[in-house]
Amino acid sequence: MNYKDLEVWFVTGAQLLYGGDAVVKVDAHSNEMVKGLNDSGRLPIKVVYKGTANSSAEVSEIMRAANGDTKCVGIITWMHTFSPAKMWIHGLMDYKKPLLHLHTQYNETIPWNEIDMDFMNLNQSAHGDREFGHITSRLRKPRKVVVGYWKDKSTQEKIAIWMRVCAAWEDAQNMRIIRFGDNMNNVAVTDGDKVEAEIRLGYHVDNAPIAKLVPYVEAVTEAEIDALVAEYCNLYDFAPNAAKGGKDHQFVRDAAAQEIGLRRFLVDKKATAFTTSFDELEGMKQLMGFASQRLMAEGFGFGAEGDWKTAALCRTMWVMAQGLPGGCSFLEDYTLNFDGNNSSILQAHMLEINPEIAAKKPRVEVHYLGIGDSGTCARLVFQAHEGEGIACTIVDMGNRFRMICNDVDVIKPKDLPKLPVACALWKPMPNFEIGAGAWILAGGTHHSSFSFSLTKEYMEDYAEIADVELLLIDKDTNIRNFKQDIRNNEVYYMLNKALR
């Protein structure tokens, strides 16, 4: 997804009560503000000024146009003067895309010596934005409210976060997830209501027998494999048995064929996320762990063992983070390390961790993997770099989807000479006992979508747009209040469903 192909529209609220000269000034100020936002270099998506809205008809026309424009991923509204909110009702009721309400003002400070009634009539954001805020609240319209001077870095950074989330939301509305095999071993948390997911979150989940992928892999030529293996040699270190001439080098070549074939299959199916299963490998020479690692780095969402919700969330978080440092990845809670204040959780999986989060150059290794139908497999082995990040998941609670987001601190693990997998070691915030306990109380998965690049603000914006429940676990979390939040949310969603 290319951010350069997207737009966010800027609509200024006004009215004709103050005369044509006032409208001209409002328009001039708005153009200057939009230009300033675009020239700031902080916004990832271009802002397009769509003029002042002075009537219900004008608001409705803009909102309908935004709904039908594939470039537009959201609208920013700002009330320069007092804009009577009744004129926004029909347009807001029709509007289907993300909304940001910017509470700002053209001038930074009050011109104390020159302020007069003309200035007061023109610059009415202080109460115009409250009028608009009332009608969006009355309509229960999901939106982000950003308060601050439009030239300030902090204000622009909040808008930038929302823009990235808008891009991810737009991507999710056309997301197709391919599941190679079904949900594994009667696991509950990785499954869920796919119909409700398409209604609520936009993405479509399809099943594909692994047999449909096999011809794609078999059609890959030796020359194509040679070229890709040469790329591996430039990017990664190799264990002796995996290197060219090594006894297990053929497994690396088989993994390269899988990568090429899998990529072509997903592109042909217009899919941007996928899941695998180690119990569904008929016709494949090994589990597609190496290919999954590589494709995740390109932006394909991945979930292990049929976990389509995590695959979708990995894709969504990758779209949000385009161009930001740090990296994103699928991860799984593997095993615990009780060590007082440094108690932590080892995050890993059999094979499929994104090399974007590696601390050092990954190493290509080949080992036997004795689980399910899989045998000897190539994989990239590394440890994640240190730093702060977020671990997120989406679970199906029956009457709603729940997003859980935990701030985590990735720390340096010890060497794992007998565990040849990619891994990360993190301390959940605010500490191991509360962080892990809250995650379990919330019904969180053992899989998560992890990012060094994003913060919880991204997920707050996403949950607001999607209108799904969000539970945050951070430095301020305590179990008593967290349990009460869960109880309160249960009542809220039960009543909300009844009212609908």
Protein backbone atom coordinates (compact mmCIF):
# COMPACT_ATOMS: atom_id res chain seq x y z
CA MET A 1 0.00 0.00 0.00
CA ASN A 2 1.50 3.28 -1.15
CA TYR A 3 0.70 6.27 1.04
CA LYS A 4 1.37 8.55 -1.95
CA ASP A 5 -1.80 7.23 -3.58
CA LEU A 6 -3.94 8.29 -0.61
CA GLU A 7 -5.54 11.52 0.56
CA VAL A 8 -7.05 12.93 3.73
CA TRP A 9 -9.62 15.64 3.15
CA PHE A 10 -9.77 18.85 5.18
CA VAL A 11 -13.21 20.43 5.62
CA THR A 12 -13.72 23.74 7.42
CA GLY A 13 -17.01 24.49 9.11
CA ALA A 14 -18.45 27.98 8.77
CA GLN A 15 -21.73 29.77 8.01
CA LEU A 16 -22.90 32.76 5.98
CA LEU A 17 -24.14 34.79 8.96
CA TYR A 18 -21.01 36.95 9.06
CA GLY A 19 -21.02 37.88 5.37
CA GLY A 20 -19.02 37.04 2.29
CA ASP A 21 -15.82 38.75 3.44
CA ALA A 22 -15.66 36.44 6.47
CA VAL A 23 -16.08 33.36 4.27
CA VAL A 24 -13.25 34.57 2.03
CA LYS A 25 -10.96 34.95 5.06
CA VAL A 26 -11.96 31.53 6.40
CA ASP A 27 -11.11 30.01 3.04
CA ALA A 28 -7.75 31.80 2.88
CA HIS A 29 -6.82 30.74 6.39
CA SER A 30 -7.82 27.14 5.66
CA ASN A 31 -5.71 27.01 2.50
CA GLU A 32 -2.73 28.36 4.42
CA MET A 33 -3.20 25.80 7.19
CA VAL A 34 -3.47 22.88 4.78
CA LYS A 35 -0.35 24.01 2.94
CA GLY A 36 1.47 24.33 6.26
CA LEU A 37 0.45 20.83 7.31
CA ASN A 38 1.62 19.35 4.01
CA ASP A 39 4.89 21.31 4.08
CA SER A 40 5.66 20.25 7.65
CA GLY A 41 7.18 16.95 6.52
CA ARG A 42 5.51 15.17 9.44
CA LEU A 43 2.37 13.89 7.75
CA PRO A 44 2.62 10.64 5.76
CA ILE A 45 -0.50 11.32 3.66
CA LYS A 46 -1.34 14.41 1.63
CA VAL A 47 -4.03 16.72 3.04
CA VAL A 48 -6.47 18.00 0.42
CA TYR A 49 -8.56 21.07 1.20
CA LYS A 50 -12.20 20.59 0.21
CA GLY A 51 -13.43 24.07 1.04
CA THR A 52 -15.74 25.53 3.64
CA ALA A 53 -19.07 23.93 4.44
CA ASN A 54 -21.77 26.53 5.03
CA SER A 55 -24.96 24.47 4.77
CA SER A 56 -26.40 21.01 5.22
CA ALA A 57 -26.38 20.46 1.45
CA GLU A 58 -22.69 21.33 1.20
CA VAL A 59 -21.78 19.05 4.11
CA SER A 60 -23.75 16.14 2.62
CA GLU A 61 -22.17 16.61 -0.78
CA ILE A 62 -18.65 16.48 0.66
CA MET A 63 -19.37 13.45 2.83
CA ARG A 64 -20.96 11.49 -0.02
CA ALA A 65 -18.03 12.34 -2.27
CA ALA A 66 -15.56 11.13 0.38
CA ASN A 67 -17.39 7.82 0.73
CA GLY A 68 -17.09 7.21 -2.99
CA ASP A 69 -13.50 8.37 -3.50
CA THR A 70 -11.03 5.49 -3.26
CA LYS A 71 -8.13 7.88 -2.59
CA CYS A 72 -9.80 9.46 0.43
CA VAL A 73 -9.09 7.50 3.64
CA GLY A 74 -10.49 10.02 6.10
CA ILE A 75 -11.69 13.56 6.78
CA ILE A 76 -10.33 16.23 9.13
CA THR A 77 -12.92 18.76 10.26
CA TRP A 78 -12.29 22.13 11.89
CA MET A 79 -14.75 24.85 12.84
CA HIS A 80 -13.18 28.24 12.04
CA THR A 81 -16.33 30.14 12.96
CA PHE A 82 -19.46 29.00 14.74
CA SER A 83 -20.94 26.29 12.49
CA PRO A 84 -24.47 25.33 13.53
CA ALA A 85 -24.32 21.58 14.10
CA LYS A 86 -27.75 20.75 12.71
CA MET A 87 -26.30 21.28 9.26
CA TRP A 88 -23.82 18.46 9.90
CA ILE A 89 -26.40 15.82 10.88
CA HIS A 90 -27.28 14.29 7.51
CA GLY A 91 -23.71 14.36 6.22
CA LEU A 92 -22.30 12.74 9.35
CA MET A 93 -25.02 10.08 9.31
CA ASP A 94 -24.07 9.20 5.72
CA TYR A 95 -20.31 9.35 6.27
CA LYS A 96 -18.61 5.93 6.58
CA LYS A 97 -14.87 6.63 6.77
CA PRO A 98 -12.58 7.70 9.66
CA LEU A 99 -13.10 11.17 11.12
CA LEU A 100 -10.67 13.46 12.96
CA HIS A 101 -11.93 16.57 14.71
CA LEU A 102 -9.13 19.13 14.92
CA HIS A 103 -9.69 21.66 17.71
CA THR A 104 -7.28 24.42 16.80
CA GLN A 105 -7.25 28.07 15.75
CA TYR A 106 -5.70 29.96 12.85
CA ASN A 107 -3.86 32.40 15.12
CA GLU A 108 -1.68 31.07 17.92
CA THR A 109 -2.26 33.79 20.50
CA ILE A 110 -4.88 36.43 21.22
CA PRO A 111 -3.94 39.82 19.69
CA TRP A 112 -4.66 41.64 22.91
CA ASN A 113 -4.28 45.20 21.64
CA GLU A 114 -6.15 44.74 18.34
CA ILE A 115 -8.91 42.26 19.16
CA ASP A 116 -12.36 43.56 18.23
CA MET A 117 -15.81 42.18 17.40
CA ASP A 118 -14.84 41.44 13.78
CA PHE A 119 -12.00 39.27 15.07
CA MET A 120 -14.33 37.61 17.56
CA ASN A 121 -16.94 36.86 14.90
CA LEU A 122 -14.35 35.32 12.61
CA ASN A 123 -12.29 33.27 15.09
CA GLN A 124 -14.83 31.19 16.95
CA SER A 125 -13.15 27.78 17.16
CA ALA A 126 -13.35 27.91 20.95
CA HIS A 127 -17.10 27.36 20.87
CA GLY A 128 -17.61 26.31 17.24
CA ASP A 129 -15.68 23.11 17.87
CA ARG A 130 -17.76 22.42 20.96
CA GLU A 131 -20.93 22.70 18.89
CA PHE A 132 -19.50 20.21 16.41
CA GLY A 133 -18.32 17.99 19.26
CA HIS A 134 -21.84 17.90 20.63
CA ILE A 135 -23.41 16.64 17.41
CA THR A 136 -20.76 13.97 16.83
CA SER A 137 -21.31 12.77 20.39
CA ARG A 138 -25.10 12.91 19.97
CA LEU A 139 -24.76 10.77 16.82
CA ARG A 140 -22.35 8.41 18.62
CA LYS A 141 -19.92 9.01 15.79
CA PRO A 142 -16.50 7.38 16.30
CA ARG A 143 -13.75 9.95 15.81
CA LYS A 144 -10.40 11.15 17.06
CA VAL A 145 -10.21 14.58 18.70
CA VAL A 146 -6.86 16.36 18.44
CA VAL A 147 -6.46 19.53 20.50
CA GLY A 148 -3.52 21.87 19.86
CA TYR A 149 -2.12 24.61 17.66
CA TRP A 150 -1.93 23.39 14.07
CA LYS A 151 1.73 24.37 13.63
CA ASP A 152 2.92 22.52 16.75
CA LYS A 153 4.93 19.34 16.30
CA SER A 154 2.88 17.45 18.88
CA THR A 155 -0.39 18.31 17.11
CA GLN A 156 0.96 17.24 13.74
CA GLU A 157 2.36 14.00 15.15
CA LYS A 158 -1.07 13.05 16.51
CA ILE A 159 -2.58 13.71 13.09
CA ALA A 160 0.18 11.61 11.49
CA ILE A 161 -0.61 8.65 13.75
CA TRP A 162 -4.29 8.87 12.85
CA MET A 163 -3.41 9.05 9.14
CA ARG A 164 -1.39 5.85 9.34
CA VAL A 165 -4.28 4.15 11.10
CA CYS A 166 -6.67 5.39 8.39
CA ALA A 167 -4.43 3.81 5.75
CA ALA A 168 -4.44 0.53 7.66
CA TRP A 169 -8.23 0.65 8.05
CA GLU A 170 -8.66 1.24 4.32
CA ASP A 171 -6.33 -1.68 3.62
CA ALA A 172 -8.32 -3.92 5.97
CA GLN A 173 -11.54 -3.22 4.07
CA ASN A 174 -10.07 -5.03 1.07
CA MET A 175 -7.95 -7.60 2.92
CA ARG A 176 -8.15 -11.22 1.86
CA ILE A 177 -6.64 -13.83 4.17
CA ILE A 178 -5.75 -17.26 2.83
CA ARG A 179 -5.79 -20.13 5.33
CA PHE A 180 -3.79 -23.18 4.27
CA GLY A 181 -5.67 -25.71 6.35
CA ASP A 182 -8.21 -25.06 9.07
CA ASN A 183 -7.88 -24.10 12.71
CA MET A 184 -5.57 -26.57 14.43
CA ASN A 185 -6.20 -29.06 17.23
CA ASN A 186 -9.48 -27.59 18.46
CA VAL A 187 -7.78 -24.40 19.69
CA ALA A 188 -10.46 -21.86 20.67
CA VAL A 189 -8.67 -18.54 20.89
CA THR A 190 -7.26 -18.63 17.33
CA ASP A 191 -10.69 -19.24 15.80
CA GLY A 192 -13.71 -16.97 15.69
CA ASP A 193 -16.64 -15.63 13.71
CA LYS A 194 -15.38 -14.87 10.20
CA VAL A 195 -18.69 -13.41 9.06
CA GLU A 196 -18.77 -10.93 11.93
CA ALA A 197 -15.11 -10.11 11.24
CA GLU A 198 -15.96 -9.14 7.68
CA ILE A 199 -18.91 -7.03 8.88
CA ARG A 200 -17.01 -5.32 11.69
CA LEU A 201 -13.38 -5.27 10.51
CA GLY A 202 -13.63 -5.58 6.75
CA TYR A 203 -11.40 -8.50 5.91
CA HIS A 204 -12.42 -11.67 4.15
CA VAL A 205 -11.11 -15.08 5.19
CA ASP A 206 -10.78 -17.85 2.58
CA ASN A 207 -9.63 -21.45 2.89
CA ALA A 208 -7.19 -22.95 0.40
CA PRO A 209 -6.12 -26.61 0.48
CA ILE A 210 -2.35 -26.88 0.48
CA ALA A 211 -2.70 -28.93 -2.70
CA LYS A 212 -3.58 -25.73 -4.56
CA LEU A 213 -0.25 -24.20 -3.57
CA VAL A 214 1.87 -27.21 -4.52
CA PRO A 215 1.75 -26.59 -8.32
CA TYR A 216 2.95 -23.03 -7.78
CA VAL A 217 5.97 -24.31 -5.88
CA GLU A 218 6.69 -27.07 -8.36
CA ALA A 219 6.59 -24.58 -11.26
CA VAL A 220 9.52 -22.56 -9.86
CA THR A 221 12.61 -22.97 -12.06
CA GLU A 222 16.13 -23.79 -10.94
CA ALA A 223 17.30 -20.44 -12.30
CA GLU A 224 14.76 -18.60 -10.16
CA ILE A 225 15.91 -20.57 -7.11
CA ASP A 226 19.56 -19.76 -7.92
CA ALA A 227 18.79 -16.04 -8.05
CA LEU A 228 16.90 -16.04 -4.76
CA VAL A 229 19.52 -18.10 -2.94
CA ALA A 230 22.13 -15.59 -4.15
CA GLU A 231 20.00 -12.90 -2.52
CA TYR A 232 19.99 -14.91 0.71
CA CYS A 233 23.78 -15.06 0.58
CA ASN A 234 23.97 -11.26 0.42
CA LEU A 235 21.54 -10.74 3.29
CA TYR A 236 22.29 -13.51 5.79
CA ASP A 237 25.02 -15.58 7.36
CA PHE A 238 24.89 -19.34 6.78
CA ALA A 239 25.51 -22.30 9.03
CA PRO A 240 28.05 -24.68 7.37
CA ASN A 241 25.48 -27.41 6.72
CA ALA A 242 23.06 -24.88 5.14
CA ALA A 243 25.63 -23.12 2.93
CA LYS A 244 26.22 -24.00 -0.69
CA GLY A 245 28.01 -27.37 -0.75
CA GLY A 246 26.73 -28.21 2.73
CA LYS A 247 24.87 -31.45 3.28
CA ASP A 248 21.57 -29.67 3.99
CA HIS A 249 21.76 -26.92 1.37
CA GLN A 250 18.92 -28.50 -0.63
CA PHE A 251 16.50 -27.59 2.17
CA VAL A 252 17.43 -23.93 1.61
CA ARG A 253 16.72 -24.30 -2.08
CA ASP A 254 13.39 -25.97 -1.30
CA ALA A 255 12.55 -23.04 0.99
CA ALA A 256 13.38 -20.62 -1.82
CA ALA A 257 10.99 -22.46 -4.15
CA GLN A 258 8.30 -22.25 -1.48
CA GLU A 259 8.86 -18.51 -1.07
CA ILE A 260 8.54 -17.81 -4.80
CA GLY A 261 5.53 -20.09 -5.20
CA LEU A 262 3.74 -18.78 -2.11
CA ARG A 263 4.26 -15.15 -3.13
CA ARG A 264 2.84 -15.85 -6.61
CA PHE A 265 -0.14 -17.69 -5.15
CA LEU A 266 -0.99 -14.84 -2.77
CA VAL A 267 -0.61 -12.22 -5.49
CA ASP A 268 -2.80 -14.24 -7.86
CA LYS A 269 -5.47 -14.51 -5.17
CA LYS A 270 -5.10 -10.80 -4.26
CA ALA A 271 -4.42 -11.85 -0.68
CA THR A 272 -2.33 -9.79 1.75
CA ALA A 273 -2.30 -12.19 4.69
CA PHE A 274 -2.15 -15.96 5.21
CA THR A 275 -1.96 -18.72 7.78
CA THR A 276 -0.22 -22.09 7.74
CA SER A 277 -0.59 -25.37 9.59
CA PHE A 278 2.05 -27.96 10.39
CA ASP A 279 -0.68 -30.61 10.07
CA GLU A 280 -1.43 -29.59 6.46
CA LEU A 281 1.72 -30.25 4.40
CA GLU A 282 0.68 -32.82 1.80
CA GLY A 283 2.92 -32.37 -1.24
CA MET A 284 5.23 -29.89 0.49
CA LYS A 285 8.81 -30.76 1.37
CA GLN A 286 8.87 -28.76 4.60
CA LEU A 287 6.86 -26.29 6.69
CA MET A 288 6.88 -22.86 5.02
CA GLY A 289 8.62 -21.17 7.94
CA PHE A 290 11.45 -19.56 5.99
CA ALA A 291 9.05 -18.30 3.32
CA SER A 292 6.72 -16.94 6.00
CA GLN A 293 9.57 -15.02 7.62
CA ARG A 294 10.54 -13.44 4.33
CA LEU A 295 7.02 -12.59 3.21
CA MET A 296 6.20 -11.04 6.59
CA ALA A 297 9.07 -8.61 6.01
CA GLU A 298 7.40 -7.61 2.72
CA GLY A 299 4.12 -6.82 4.47
CA PHE A 300 2.13 -10.02 4.15
CA GLY A 301 0.30 -10.68 7.41
CA PHE A 302 1.00 -14.05 8.98
CA GLY A 303 -0.65 -16.22 11.60
CA ALA A 304 0.43 -19.71 12.62
CA GLU A 305 -1.88 -22.70 12.99
CA GLY A 306 -4.82 -21.11 11.22
CA ASP A 307 -4.83 -17.93 13.37
CA TRP A 308 -6.46 -15.61 10.85
CA LYS A 309 -7.13 -12.78 13.33
CA THR A 310 -3.43 -12.46 14.14
CA ALA A 311 -2.53 -12.68 10.44
CA ALA A 312 -4.89 -9.78 9.75
CA LEU A 313 -3.57 -7.72 12.66
CA CYS A 314 0.05 -8.30 11.59
CA ARG A 315 -0.81 -6.93 8.15
CA THR A 316 -2.69 -3.98 9.63
CA MET A 317 0.14 -3.03 11.97
CA TRP A 318 2.67 -3.37 9.15
CA VAL A 319 0.64 -0.94 7.02
CA MET A 320 0.51 1.54 9.92
CA ALA A 321 4.28 1.31 10.40
CA GLN A 322 5.44 1.75 6.79
CA GLY A 323 8.60 3.83 6.75
CA LEU A 324 9.03 3.79 10.53
CA PRO A 325 12.06 2.12 12.16
CA GLY A 326 11.84 -0.90 14.44
CA GLY A 327 9.88 -3.64 12.68
CA CYS A 328 6.77 -5.73 13.31
CA SER A 329 6.28 -9.48 13.67
CA PHE A 330 4.07 -12.39 14.60
CA LEU A 331 5.17 -13.79 17.97
CA GLU A 332 4.04 -16.42 20.46
CA ASP A 333 4.38 -16.73 24.23
CA TYR A 334 6.74 -19.69 24.55
CA THR A 335 8.05 -20.07 28.09
CA LEU A 336 8.43 -18.03 31.29
CA ASN A 337 11.50 -16.78 33.11
CA PHE A 338 10.88 -16.03 36.80
CA ASP A 339 13.60 -13.61 37.91
CA GLY A 340 12.12 -11.14 40.38
CA ASN A 341 11.82 -7.67 38.86
CA ASN A 342 13.30 -8.99 35.62
CA SER A 343 10.73 -11.79 35.18
CA SER A 344 9.96 -12.08 31.50
CA ILE A 345 8.41 -14.14 28.70
CA LEU A 346 10.37 -15.76 25.89
CA GLN A 347 8.64 -15.00 22.61
CA ALA A 348 9.32 -17.32 19.71
CA HIS A 349 7.71 -19.85 17.44
CA MET A 350 8.82 -22.89 15.56
CA LEU A 351 10.12 -20.81 12.64
CA GLU A 352 8.01 -17.84 11.63
CA ILE A 353 9.42 -14.60 13.10
CA ASN A 354 10.00 -11.50 10.96
CA PRO A 355 13.73 -10.75 10.44
CA GLU A 356 12.93 -7.01 10.48
CA ILE A 357 13.14 -7.12 14.29
CA ALA A 358 16.57 -8.82 14.39
CA ALA A 359 19.35 -7.28 16.49
CA LYS A 360 22.07 -8.71 14.26
CA LYS A 361 22.38 -10.29 10.84
CA PRO A 362 20.13 -13.38 10.77
CA ARG A 363 21.68 -16.79 10.18
CA VAL A 364 20.26 -19.40 7.83
CA GLU A 365 20.16 -22.76 9.57
CA VAL A 366 18.65 -26.15 8.79
CA HIS A 367 17.36 -28.42 11.56
CA TYR A 368 14.88 -31.18 12.13
CA LEU A 369 11.48 -29.98 13.36
CA GLY A 370 9.60 -32.90 14.88
CA ILE A 371 6.05 -31.60 15.08
CA GLY A 372 2.97 -32.44 13.04
CA ASP A 373 3.77 -33.39 9.45
CA SER A 374 6.90 -31.26 9.31
CA GLY A 375 10.42 -32.64 9.15
CA THR A 376 13.75 -30.95 8.46
CA CYS A 377 13.29 -27.22 7.75
CA ALA A 378 15.35 -24.17 6.84
CA ARG A 379 14.86 -21.10 8.98
CA LEU A 380 16.33 -17.69 9.89
CA VAL A 381 17.72 -17.70 13.43
CA PHE A 382 18.23 -14.45 15.37
CA GLN A 383 17.38 -12.58 18.55
CA ALA A 384 15.26 -9.43 18.52
CA HIS A 385 16.87 -6.10 19.30
CA GLU A 386 16.11 -4.38 22.60
CA GLY A 387 13.59 -1.59 22.99
CA GLU A 388 10.03 -0.65 23.84
CA GLY A 389 7.14 -2.03 21.82
CA ILE A 390 3.54 -3.16 21.89
CA ALA A 391 2.02 -6.63 21.75
CA CYS A 392 -1.54 -6.74 20.42
CA THR A 393 -4.23 -9.28 19.72
CA ILE A 394 -7.88 -9.46 18.70
CA VAL A 395 -10.13 -12.07 20.32
CA ASP A 396 -13.74 -13.02 19.67
CA MET A 397 -15.80 -12.60 22.85
CA GLY A 398 -19.03 -13.86 21.31
CA ASN A 399 -20.93 -10.59 21.38
CA ARG A 400 -18.00 -8.44 20.24
CA PHE A 401 -14.37 -8.40 19.20
CA ARG A 402 -11.90 -7.31 21.85
CA MET A 403 -8.52 -5.79 21.11
CA ILE A 404 -5.88 -6.15 23.82
CA CYS A 405 -2.71 -4.05 23.73
CA ASN A 406 0.20 -4.44 26.15
CA ASP A 407 3.23 -2.16 26.38
CA VAL A 408 6.32 -4.37 26.60
CA ASP A 409 10.04 -3.88 27.13
CA VAL A 410 12.18 -6.17 24.96
CA ILE A 411 15.40 -7.11 26.77
CA LYS A 412 18.47 -9.08 25.81
CA PRO A 413 18.12 -12.85 26.29
CA LYS A 414 20.91 -15.29 26.98
CA ASP A 415 22.23 -17.48 24.19
CA LEU A 416 20.08 -20.47 23.20
CA PRO A 417 22.55 -22.93 21.65
CA LYS A 418 20.03 -25.79 21.58
CA LEU A 419 16.97 -23.82 20.46
CA PRO A 420 17.58 -22.79 16.82
CA VAL A 421 14.68 -20.36 16.38
CA ALA A 422 14.19 -16.62 16.14
CA CYS A 423 13.08 -15.14 19.45
CA ALA A 424 12.48 -12.09 21.61
CA LEU A 425 12.48 -11.76 25.41
CA TRP A 426 10.17 -9.17 26.92
CA LYS A 427 8.86 -7.85 30.19
CA PRO A 428 5.18 -6.94 29.96
CA MET A 429 4.27 -3.65 31.57
CA PRO A 430 3.83 -2.63 34.31
CA ASN A 431 5.57 -5.80 35.49
CA PHE A 432 5.42 -9.50 34.77
CA GLU A 433 2.78 -10.39 37.38
CA ILE A 434 0.32 -7.65 36.49
CA GLY A 435 0.98 -7.61 32.74
CA ALA A 436 0.66 -11.36 32.25
CA GLY A 437 -2.23 -11.58 34.71
CA ALA A 438 -4.21 -8.82 32.98
CA TRP A 439 -3.62 -10.42 29.56
CA ILE A 440 -5.02 -13.72 30.84
CA LEU A 441 -7.98 -12.03 32.54
CA ALA A 442 -8.77 -10.32 29.22
CA GLY A 443 -8.78 -13.67 27.41
CA GLY A 444 -5.76 -12.79 25.27
CA THR A 445 -4.19 -15.19 22.80
CA HIS A 446 -0.85 -16.95 23.09
CA HIS A 447 -0.12 -15.43 19.64
CA SER A 448 0.36 -11.70 19.26
CA SER A 449 1.15 -9.09 16.65
CA PHE A 450 4.17 -7.19 17.90
CA SER A 451 5.68 -3.86 16.84
CA PHE A 452 8.69 -1.80 17.82
CA SER A 453 7.43 0.95 15.49
CA LEU A 454 3.99 1.67 16.96
CA THR A 455 2.59 2.85 20.28
CA LYS A 456 -0.71 2.20 21.98
CA GLU A 457 -2.08 5.45 20.51
CA TYR A 458 -2.19 3.77 17.09
CA MET A 459 -4.28 0.94 18.49
CA GLU A 460 -6.55 3.35 20.37
CA ASP A 461 -7.25 5.13 17.09
CA TYR A 462 -7.82 1.84 15.29
CA ALA A 463 -10.23 0.52 17.90
CA GLU A 464 -12.13 3.82 17.75
CA ILE A 465 -12.51 3.61 13.96
CA ALA A 466 -13.46 -0.09 14.07
CA ASP A 467 -15.79 0.50 17.03
CA VAL A 468 -14.38 -2.50 18.90
CA GLU A 469 -13.54 -2.91 22.57
CA LEU A 470 -10.00 -2.01 23.61
CA LEU A 471 -8.21 -3.07 26.78
CA LEU A 472 -4.86 -1.38 27.43
CA ILE A 473 -2.21 -2.87 29.70
CA ASP A 474 0.49 -0.33 30.50
CA LYS A 475 2.50 1.19 33.35
CA ASP A 476 -0.68 2.45 35.03
CA THR A 477 -2.54 -0.88 35.04
CA ASN A 478 -3.54 -2.55 38.28
CA ILE A 479 -5.54 -5.77 38.48
CA ARG A 480 -8.41 -4.46 40.61
CA ASN A 481 -9.24 -1.63 38.21
CA PHE A 482 -8.58 -3.80 35.17
CA LYS A 483 -11.12 -6.38 36.32
CA GLN A 484 -13.64 -3.61 36.91
CA ASP A 485 -12.99 -2.29 33.39
CA ILE A 486 -13.81 -5.74 32.03
CA ARG A 487 -17.04 -5.88 34.05
CA ASN A 488 -18.05 -2.38 32.96
CA ASN A 489 -17.33 -3.18 29.32
CA GLU A 490 -19.45 -6.32 29.53
CA VAL A 491 -22.44 -4.29 30.68
CA TYR A 492 -21.80 -1.63 28.03
CA TYR A 493 -21.70 -4.10 25.15
CA MET A 494 -24.70 -6.05 26.38
CA LEU A 495 -26.76 -2.84 26.53
CA ASN A 496 -25.34 -1.63 23.23
CA LYS A 497 -26.41 -4.86 21.53
CA ALA A 498 -29.87 -4.64 23.08
CA LEU A 499 -30.32 -1.04 21.87
CA ARG A 500 -29.38 -2.02 18.36
